[in-house]
Amino acid sequence: MKHYLVCFLLICIPIYKAQSQTDFGIKGGLNLTFFKVIDAGFGDDPEVEVGYYAGVFADIQVNSDLSIQPEVLYIGLNDFKFI
């Protein structure tokens, strides 16, 4: 996780210095899944898995009509955790 964060910052810091319209932020929330893996569809009694996500983002304004937002999210869903 630390390697991804360092890479994200190394990419965004030079862009931040070149652009005056760059904002940074954090995001996070609840991750709910409502599906059966075996059936691969929604049913009357879907299995519910509860997890979370957290991350950082940079909002880089290229011009008045275009903005780019790279982000890195860490998602945890029971024993399944990924970036």
PDB file of N, CA and C in Angstrom:
ATOM      1  N   MET A   1       0.829  -1.185   0.000  1.00  0.00           N
ATOM      2  CA  MET A   1       0.000   0.000   0.000  1.00  0.00           C
ATOM      3  C   MET A   1       0.875   1.251   0.000  1.00  0.00           C
ATOM      4  N   LYS A   2       1.964   1.232   0.755  1.00  0.00           N
ATOM      5  CA  LYS A   2       2.829   2.401   0.834  1.00  0.00           C
ATOM      6  C   LYS A   2       3.466   2.707  -0.519  1.00  0.00           C
ATOM      7  N   HIS A   3       3.794   1.665  -1.278  1.00  0.00           N
ATOM      8  CA  HIS A   3       4.407   1.873  -2.587  1.00  0.00           C
ATOM      9  C   HIS A   3       3.446   2.585  -3.533  1.00  0.00           C
ATOM     10  N   TYR A   4       2.167   2.208  -3.491  1.00  0.00           N
ATOM     11  CA  TYR A   4       1.183   2.845  -4.353  1.00  0.00           C
ATOM     12  C   TYR A   4       0.976   4.303  -3.972  1.00  0.00           C
ATOM     13  N   LEU A   5       0.960   4.577  -2.693  1.00  0.00           N
ATOM     14  CA  LEU A   5       0.779   5.953  -2.230  1.00  0.00           C
ATOM     15  C   LEU A   5       1.965   6.819  -2.628  1.00  0.00           C
ATOM     16  N   VAL A   6       3.164   6.281  -2.514  1.00  0.00           N
ATOM     17  CA  VAL A   6       4.359   7.029  -2.906  1.00  0.00           C
ATOM     18  C   VAL A   6       4.335   7.306  -4.407  1.00  0.00           C
ATOM     19  N   CYS A   7       3.983   6.310  -5.213  1.00  0.00           N
ATOM     20  CA  CYS A   7       3.893   6.505  -6.663  1.00  0.00           C
ATOM     21  C   CYS A   7       2.853   7.551  -7.004  1.00  0.00           C
ATOM     22  N   PHE A   8       1.709   7.510  -6.324  1.00  0.00           N
ATOM     23  CA  PHE A   8       0.646   8.484  -6.561  1.00  0.00           C
ATOM     24  C   PHE A   8       1.135   9.897  -6.253  1.00  0.00           C
ATOM     25  N   LEU A   9       1.828  10.057  -5.148  1.00  0.00           N
ATOM     26  CA  LEU A   9       2.321  11.380  -4.769  1.00  0.00           C
ATOM     27  C   LEU A   9       3.416  11.870  -5.711  1.00  0.00           C
ATOM     28  N   LEU A  10       4.285  10.965  -6.157  1.00  0.00           N
ATOM     29  CA  LEU A  10       5.341  11.362  -7.083  1.00  0.00           C
ATOM     30  C   LEU A  10       4.781  11.810  -8.426  1.00  0.00           C
ATOM     31  N   ILE A  11       3.647  11.257  -8.812  1.00  0.00           N
ATOM     32  CA  ILE A  11       3.001  11.682 -10.055  1.00  0.00           C
ATOM     33  C   ILE A  11       2.279  13.008  -9.863  1.00  0.00           C
ATOM     34  N   CYS A  12       1.605  13.166  -8.740  1.00  0.00           N
ATOM     35  CA  CYS A  12       0.744  14.333  -8.532  1.00  0.00           C
ATOM     36  C   CYS A  12       1.494  15.589  -8.103  1.00  0.00           C
ATOM     37  N   ILE A  13       2.577  15.465  -7.392  1.00  0.00           N
ATOM     38  CA  ILE A  13       3.281  16.658  -6.910  1.00  0.00           C
ATOM     39  C   ILE A  13       3.849  17.487  -8.065  1.00  0.00           C
ATOM     40  N   PRO A  14       4.515  16.886  -9.067  1.00  0.00           N
ATOM     41  CA  PRO A  14       4.967  17.724 -10.188  1.00  0.00           C
ATOM     42  C   PRO A  14       3.803  18.359 -10.956  1.00  0.00           C
ATOM     43  N   ILE A  15       2.704  17.641 -11.088  1.00  0.00           N
ATOM     44  CA  ILE A  15       1.529  18.193 -11.759  1.00  0.00           C
ATOM     45  C   ILE A  15       0.970  19.351 -10.942  1.00  0.00           C
ATOM     46  N   TYR A  16       0.986  19.204  -9.614  1.00  0.00           N
ATOM     47  CA  TYR A  16       0.476  20.259  -8.734  1.00  0.00           C
ATOM     48  C   TYR A  16       1.297  21.540  -8.899  1.00  0.00           C
ATOM     49  N   LYS A  17       2.596  21.404  -9.024  1.00  0.00           N
ATOM     50  CA  LYS A  17       3.448  22.592  -9.179  1.00  0.00           C
ATOM     51  C   LYS A  17       3.253  23.235 -10.546  1.00  0.00           C
ATOM     52  N   ALA A  18       2.928  22.427 -11.570  1.00  0.00           N
ATOM     53  CA  ALA A  18       2.748  22.970 -12.911  1.00  0.00           C
ATOM     54  C   ALA A  18       1.366  23.601 -13.086  1.00  0.00           C
ATOM     55  N   GLN A  19       0.385  23.113 -12.358  1.00  0.00           N
ATOM     56  CA  GLN A  19      -0.984  23.601 -12.492  1.00  0.00           C
ATOM     57  C   GLN A  19      -1.387  24.326 -11.211  1.00  0.00           C
ATOM     58  N   SER A  20      -2.045  25.444 -11.373  1.00  0.00           N
ATOM     59  CA  SER A  20      -2.499  26.166 -10.185  1.00  0.00           C
ATOM     60  C   SER A  20      -3.881  25.714  -9.744  1.00  0.00           C
ATOM     61  N   GLN A  21      -4.592  24.972 -10.591  1.00  0.00           N
ATOM     62  CA  GLN A  21      -5.950  24.546 -10.282  1.00  0.00           C
ATOM     63  C   GLN A  21      -5.995  23.056  -9.939  1.00  0.00           C
ATOM     64  N   THR A  22      -5.230  22.627  -8.960  1.00  0.00           N
ATOM     65  CA  THR A  22      -5.209  21.232  -8.537  1.00  0.00           C
ATOM     66  C   THR A  22      -5.663  21.145  -7.093  1.00  0.00           C
ATOM     67  N   ASP A  23      -6.595  20.237  -6.842  1.00  0.00           N
ATOM     68  CA  ASP A  23      -7.097  20.000  -5.489  1.00  0.00           C
ATOM     69  C   ASP A  23      -6.839  18.551  -5.114  1.00  0.00           C
ATOM     70  N   PHE A  24      -6.529  18.323  -3.848  1.00  0.00           N
ATOM     71  CA  PHE A  24      -6.330  16.986  -3.318  1.00  0.00           C
ATOM     72  C   PHE A  24      -7.433  16.694  -2.319  1.00  0.00           C
ATOM     73  N   GLY A  25      -7.725  15.417  -2.134  1.00  0.00           N
ATOM     74  CA  GLY A  25      -8.748  15.066  -1.165  1.00  0.00           C
ATOM     75  C   GLY A  25      -8.677  13.605  -0.780  1.00  0.00           C
ATOM     76  N   ILE A  26      -9.521  13.252   0.175  1.00  0.00           N
ATOM     77  CA  ILE A  26      -9.647  11.868   0.615  1.00  0.00           C
ATOM     78  C   ILE A  26     -11.082  11.424   0.385  1.00  0.00           C
ATOM     79  N   LYS A  27     -11.252  10.131   0.247  1.00  0.00           N
ATOM     80  CA  LYS A  27     -12.600   9.598   0.100  1.00  0.00           C
ATOM     81  C   LYS A  27     -12.675   8.277   0.835  1.00  0.00           C
ATOM     82  N   GLY A  28     -13.851   7.920   1.214  1.00  0.00           N
ATOM     83  CA  GLY A  28     -14.060   6.671   1.921  1.00  0.00           C
ATOM     84  C   GLY A  28     -15.536   6.388   2.055  1.00  0.00           C
ATOM     85  N   GLY A  29     -15.839   5.151   2.367  1.00  0.00           N
ATOM     86  CA  GLY A  29     -17.243   4.821   2.530  1.00  0.00           C
ATOM     87  C   GLY A  29     -17.481   3.341   2.733  1.00  0.00           C
ATOM     88  N   LEU A  30     -18.739   2.984   2.647  1.00  0.00           N
ATOM     89  CA  LEU A  30     -19.211   1.633   2.860  1.00  0.00           C
ATOM     90  C   LEU A  30     -19.360   0.934   1.522  1.00  0.00           C
ATOM     91  N   ASN A  31     -18.923  -0.301   1.437  1.00  0.00           N
ATOM     92  CA  ASN A  31     -19.017  -1.082   0.212  1.00  0.00           C
ATOM     93  C   ASN A  31     -19.952  -2.255   0.472  1.00  0.00           C
ATOM     94  N   LEU A  32     -21.096  -2.281  -0.203  1.00  0.00           N
ATOM     95  CA  LEU A  32     -22.071  -3.364  -0.062  1.00  0.00           C
ATOM     96  C   LEU A  32     -22.185  -4.116  -1.377  1.00  0.00           C
ATOM     97  N   THR A  33     -22.164  -5.443  -1.307  1.00  0.00           N
ATOM     98  CA  THR A  33     -22.401  -6.255  -2.496  1.00  0.00           C
ATOM     99  C   THR A  33     -23.645  -7.084  -2.267  1.00  0.00           C
ATOM    100  N   PHE A  34     -24.494  -7.137  -3.250  1.00  0.00           N
ATOM    101  CA  PHE A  34     -25.745  -7.878  -3.176  1.00  0.00           C
ATOM    102  C   PHE A  34     -25.815  -8.857  -4.344  1.00  0.00           C
ATOM    103  N   PHE A  35     -25.085  -9.937  -4.265  1.00  0.00           N
ATOM    104  CA  PHE A  35     -25.129 -10.911  -5.348  1.00  0.00           C
ATOM    105  C   PHE A  35     -24.708 -12.266  -4.824  1.00  0.00           C
ATOM    106  N   LYS A  36     -25.115 -13.301  -5.558  1.00  0.00           N
ATOM    107  CA  LYS A  36     -24.663 -14.651  -5.295  1.00  0.00           C
ATOM    108  C   LYS A  36     -23.589 -14.979  -6.315  1.00  0.00           C
ATOM    109  N   VAL A  37     -22.439 -15.372  -5.845  1.00  0.00           N
ATOM    110  CA  VAL A  37     -21.338 -15.653  -6.755  1.00  0.00           C
ATOM    111  C   VAL A  37     -21.651 -16.872  -7.600  1.00  0.00           C
ATOM    112  N   ILE A  38     -22.247 -17.890  -7.032  1.00  0.00           N
ATOM    113  CA  ILE A  38     -22.544 -19.122  -7.763  1.00  0.00           C
ATOM    114  C   ILE A  38     -23.572 -18.855  -8.859  1.00  0.00           C
ATOM    115  N   ASP A  39     -24.631 -18.139  -8.519  1.00  0.00           N
ATOM    116  CA  ASP A  39     -25.680 -17.871  -9.505  1.00  0.00           C
ATOM    117  C   ASP A  39     -25.340 -16.717 -10.429  1.00  0.00           C
ATOM    118  N   ALA A  40     -24.449 -15.832 -10.002  1.00  0.00           N
ATOM    119  CA  ALA A  40     -24.051 -14.652 -10.769  1.00  0.00           C
ATOM    120  C   ALA A  40     -25.241 -13.790 -11.143  1.00  0.00           C
ATOM    121  N   GLY A  41     -26.196 -13.670 -10.223  1.00  0.00           N
ATOM    122  CA  GLY A  41     -27.348 -12.829 -10.506  1.00  0.00           C
ATOM    123  C   GLY A  41     -28.017 -12.404  -9.207  1.00  0.00           C
ATOM    124  N   PHE A  42     -28.924 -11.490  -9.318  1.00  0.00           N
ATOM    125  CA  PHE A  42     -29.672 -11.026  -8.164  1.00  0.00           C
ATOM    126  C   PHE A  42     -30.862 -11.947  -7.970  1.00  0.00           C
ATOM    127  N   GLY A  43     -31.124 -12.303  -6.749  1.00  0.00           N
ATOM    128  CA  GLY A  43     -32.237 -13.200  -6.467  1.00  0.00           C
ATOM    129  C   GLY A  43     -33.113 -12.650  -5.369  1.00  0.00           C
ATOM    130  N   ASP A  44     -34.038 -13.481  -4.898  1.00  0.00           N
ATOM    131  CA  ASP A  44     -34.928 -13.064  -3.816  1.00  0.00           C
ATOM    132  C   ASP A  44     -34.182 -12.929  -2.502  1.00  0.00           C
ATOM    133  N   ASP A  45     -33.172 -13.758  -2.306  1.00  0.00           N
ATOM    134  CA  ASP A  45     -32.406 -13.743  -1.065  1.00  0.00           C
ATOM    135  C   ASP A  45     -30.912 -13.625  -1.392  1.00  0.00           C
ATOM    136  N   PRO A  46     -30.470 -12.449  -1.858  1.00  0.00           N
ATOM    137  CA  PRO A  46     -29.052 -12.324  -2.215  1.00  0.00           C
ATOM    138  C   PRO A  46     -28.166 -12.305  -0.979  1.00  0.00           C
ATOM    139  N   GLU A  47     -26.968 -12.815  -1.150  1.00  0.00           N
ATOM    140  CA  GLU A  47     -25.997 -12.756  -0.069  1.00  0.00           C
ATOM    141  C   GLU A  47     -25.440 -11.344  -0.005  1.00  0.00           C
ATOM    142  N   VAL A  48     -25.327 -10.810   1.188  1.00  0.00           N
ATOM    143  CA  VAL A  48     -24.847  -9.444   1.359  1.00  0.00           C
ATOM    144  C   VAL A  48     -23.474  -9.491   2.017  1.00  0.00           C
ATOM    145  N   GLU A  49     -22.517  -8.872   1.378  1.00  0.00           N
ATOM    146  CA  GLU A  49     -21.181  -8.729   1.940  1.00  0.00           C
ATOM    147  C   GLU A  49     -20.962  -7.248   2.239  1.00  0.00           C
ATOM    148  N   VAL A  50     -20.450  -6.968   3.424  1.00  0.00           N
ATOM    149  CA  VAL A  50     -20.219  -5.582   3.837  1.00  0.00           C
ATOM    150  C   VAL A  50     -18.710  -5.349   3.929  1.00  0.00           C
ATOM    151  N   GLY A  51     -18.271  -4.248   3.351  1.00  0.00           N
ATOM    152  CA  GLY A  51     -16.862  -3.895   3.380  1.00  0.00           C
ATOM    153  C   GLY A  51     -16.698  -2.391   3.461  1.00  0.00           C
ATOM    154  N   TYR A  52     -15.521  -1.929   3.120  1.00  0.00           N
ATOM    155  CA  TYR A  52     -15.220  -0.504   3.195  1.00  0.00           C
ATOM    156  C   TYR A  52     -14.256  -0.137   2.073  1.00  0.00           C
ATOM    157  N   TYR A  53     -14.138   1.146   1.815  1.00  0.00           N
ATOM    158  CA  TYR A  53     -13.120   1.641   0.901  1.00  0.00           C
ATOM    159  C   TYR A  53     -12.603   2.973   1.411  1.00  0.00           C
ATOM    160  N   ALA A  54     -11.338   3.242   1.110  1.00  0.00           N
ATOM    161  CA  ALA A  54     -10.705   4.502   1.505  1.00  0.00           C
ATOM    162  C   ALA A  54      -9.618   4.817   0.491  1.00  0.00           C
ATOM    163  N   GLY A  55      -9.395   6.091   0.266  1.00  0.00           N
ATOM    164  CA  GLY A  55      -8.370   6.448  -0.696  1.00  0.00           C
ATOM    165  C   GLY A  55      -8.114   7.935  -0.769  1.00  0.00           C
ATOM    166  N   VAL A  56      -7.257   8.293  -1.703  1.00  0.00           N
ATOM    167  CA  VAL A  56      -6.901   9.686  -1.943  1.00  0.00           C
ATOM    168  C   VAL A  56      -7.088   9.983  -3.432  1.00  0.00           C
ATOM    169  N   PHE A  57      -7.303  11.252  -3.745  1.00  0.00           N
ATOM    170  CA  PHE A  57      -7.460  11.645  -5.132  1.00  0.00           C
ATOM    171  C   PHE A  57      -6.878  13.031  -5.353  1.00  0.00           C
ATOM    172  N   ALA A  58      -6.623  13.343  -6.614  1.00  0.00           N
ATOM    173  CA  ALA A  58      -6.190  14.673  -7.034  1.00  0.00           C
ATOM    174  C   ALA A  58      -7.102  15.091  -8.180  1.00  0.00           C
ATOM    175  N   ASP A  59      -7.650  16.276  -8.096  1.00  0.00           N
ATOM    176  CA  ASP A  59      -8.499  16.819  -9.148  1.00  0.00           C
ATOM    177  C   ASP A  59      -7.683  17.881  -9.880  1.00  0.00           C
ATOM    178  N   ILE A  60      -7.294  17.573 -11.116  1.00  0.00           N
ATOM    179  CA  ILE A  60      -6.404  18.437 -11.885  1.00  0.00           C
ATOM    180  C   ILE A  60      -7.205  19.079 -13.015  1.00  0.00           C
ATOM    181  N   GLN A  61      -7.332  20.379 -12.976  1.00  0.00           N
ATOM    182  CA  GLN A  61      -8.075  21.093 -14.012  1.00  0.00           C
ATOM    183  C   GLN A  61      -7.128  21.414 -15.163  1.00  0.00           C
ATOM    184  N   VAL A  62      -7.397  20.832 -16.331  1.00  0.00           N
ATOM    185  CA  VAL A  62      -6.572  21.052 -17.513  1.00  0.00           C
ATOM    186  C   VAL A  62      -6.930  22.378 -18.163  1.00  0.00           C
ATOM    187  N   ASN A  63      -8.212  22.597 -18.381  1.00  0.00           N
ATOM    188  CA  ASN A  63      -8.713  23.891 -18.848  1.00  0.00           C
ATOM    189  C   ASN A  63     -10.117  24.074 -18.287  1.00  0.00           C
ATOM    190  N   SER A  64     -10.845  25.061 -18.743  1.00  0.00           N
ATOM    191  CA  SER A  64     -12.154  25.343 -18.149  1.00  0.00           C
ATOM    192  C   SER A  64     -13.178  24.250 -18.429  1.00  0.00           C
ATOM    193  N   ASP A  65     -12.960  23.416 -19.450  1.00  0.00           N
ATOM    194  CA  ASP A  65     -13.918  22.368 -19.811  1.00  0.00           C
ATOM    195  C   ASP A  65     -13.457  20.955 -19.459  1.00  0.00           C
ATOM    196  N   LEU A  66     -12.213  20.774 -19.056  1.00  0.00           N
ATOM    197  CA  LEU A  66     -11.670  19.438 -18.844  1.00  0.00           C
ATOM    198  C   LEU A  66     -10.927  19.359 -17.522  1.00  0.00           C
ATOM    199  N   SER A  67     -11.233  18.306 -16.771  1.00  0.00           N
ATOM    200  CA  SER A  67     -10.581  18.052 -15.497  1.00  0.00           C
ATOM    201  C   SER A  67     -10.259  16.562 -15.412  1.00  0.00           C
ATOM    202  N   ILE A  68      -9.095  16.216 -14.868  1.00  0.00           N
ATOM    203  CA  ILE A  68      -8.673  14.824 -14.708  1.00  0.00           C
ATOM    204  C   ILE A  68      -8.579  14.535 -13.218  1.00  0.00           C
ATOM    205  N   GLN A  69      -9.073  13.343 -12.809  1.00  0.00           N
ATOM    206  CA  GLN A  69      -9.060  12.996 -11.391  1.00  0.00           C
ATOM    207  C   GLN A  69      -8.468  11.600 -11.185  1.00  0.00           C
ATOM    208  N   PRO A  70      -7.134  11.488 -11.049  1.00  0.00           N
ATOM    209  CA  PRO A  70      -6.556  10.190 -10.690  1.00  0.00           C
ATOM    210  C   PRO A  70      -6.814   9.920  -9.213  1.00  0.00           C
ATOM    211  N   GLU A  71      -6.995   8.631  -8.895  1.00  0.00           N
ATOM    212  CA  GLU A  71      -7.243   8.270  -7.501  1.00  0.00           C
ATOM    213  C   GLU A  71      -6.723   6.880  -7.215  1.00  0.00           C
ATOM    214  N   VAL A  72      -6.480   6.617  -5.954  1.00  0.00           N
ATOM    215  CA  VAL A  72      -6.064   5.308  -5.471  1.00  0.00           C
ATOM    216  C   VAL A  72      -7.024   4.921  -4.367  1.00  0.00           C
ATOM    217  N   LEU A  73      -7.659   3.742  -4.507  1.00  0.00           N
ATOM    218  CA  LEU A  73      -8.608   3.259  -3.508  1.00  0.00           C
ATOM    219  C   LEU A  73      -8.127   1.938  -2.923  1.00  0.00           C
ATOM    220  N   TYR A  74      -8.275   1.790  -1.630  1.00  0.00           N
ATOM    221  CA  TYR A  74      -8.032   0.530  -0.937  1.00  0.00           C
ATOM    222  C   TYR A  74      -9.393  -0.012  -0.541  1.00  0.00           C
ATOM    223  N   ILE A  75      -9.707  -1.233  -0.990  1.00  0.00           N
ATOM    224  CA  ILE A  75     -11.022  -1.818  -0.741  1.00  0.00           C
ATOM    225  C   ILE A  75     -10.856  -3.073   0.096  1.00  0.00           C
ATOM    226  N   GLY A  76     -11.622  -3.175   1.165  1.00  0.00           N
ATOM    227  CA  GLY A  76     -11.625  -4.353   2.008  1.00  0.00           C
ATOM    228  C   GLY A  76     -13.011  -4.952   2.059  1.00  0.00           C
ATOM    229  N   LEU A  77     -13.108  -6.234   1.730  1.00  0.00           N
ATOM    230  CA  LEU A  77     -14.381  -6.949   1.731  1.00  0.00           C
ATOM    231  C   LEU A  77     -14.131  -8.317   2.355  1.00  0.00           C
ATOM    232  N   ASN A  78     -14.384  -8.433   3.653  1.00  0.00           N
ATOM    233  CA  ASN A  78     -14.054  -9.630   4.441  1.00  0.00           C
ATOM    234  C   ASN A  78     -12.562  -9.937   4.303  1.00  0.00           C
ATOM    235  N   ASP A  79     -12.198 -11.113   3.806  1.00  0.00           N
ATOM    236  CA  ASP A  79     -10.785 -11.480   3.659  1.00  0.00           C
ATOM    237  C   ASP A  79     -10.204 -10.999   2.340  1.00  0.00           C
ATOM    238  N   PHE A  80     -11.011 -10.426   1.482  1.00  0.00           N
ATOM    239  CA  PHE A  80     -10.580  -9.970   0.160  1.00  0.00           C
ATOM    240  C   PHE A  80     -10.251  -8.492   0.233  1.00  0.00           C
ATOM    241  N   LYS A  81      -8.962  -8.155   0.136  1.00  0.00           N
ATOM    242  CA  LYS A  81      -8.515  -6.765   0.220  1.00  0.00           C
ATOM    243  C   LYS A  81      -7.656  -6.457  -0.995  1.00  0.00           C
ATOM    244  N   PHE A  82      -7.890  -5.319  -1.624  1.00  0.00           N
ATOM    245  CA  PHE A  82      -7.134  -4.974  -2.819  1.00  0.00           C
ATOM    246  C   PHE A  82      -7.086  -3.468  -3.021  1.00  0.00           C
ATOM    247  N   ILE A  83      -6.188  -3.038  -3.911  1.00  0.00           N
ATOM    248  CA  ILE A  83      -6.042  -1.615  -4.270  1.00  0.00           C
ATOM    249  C   ILE A  83      -6.527  -1.443  -5.694  1.00  0.00           C
TER     250      ILE A  83
END
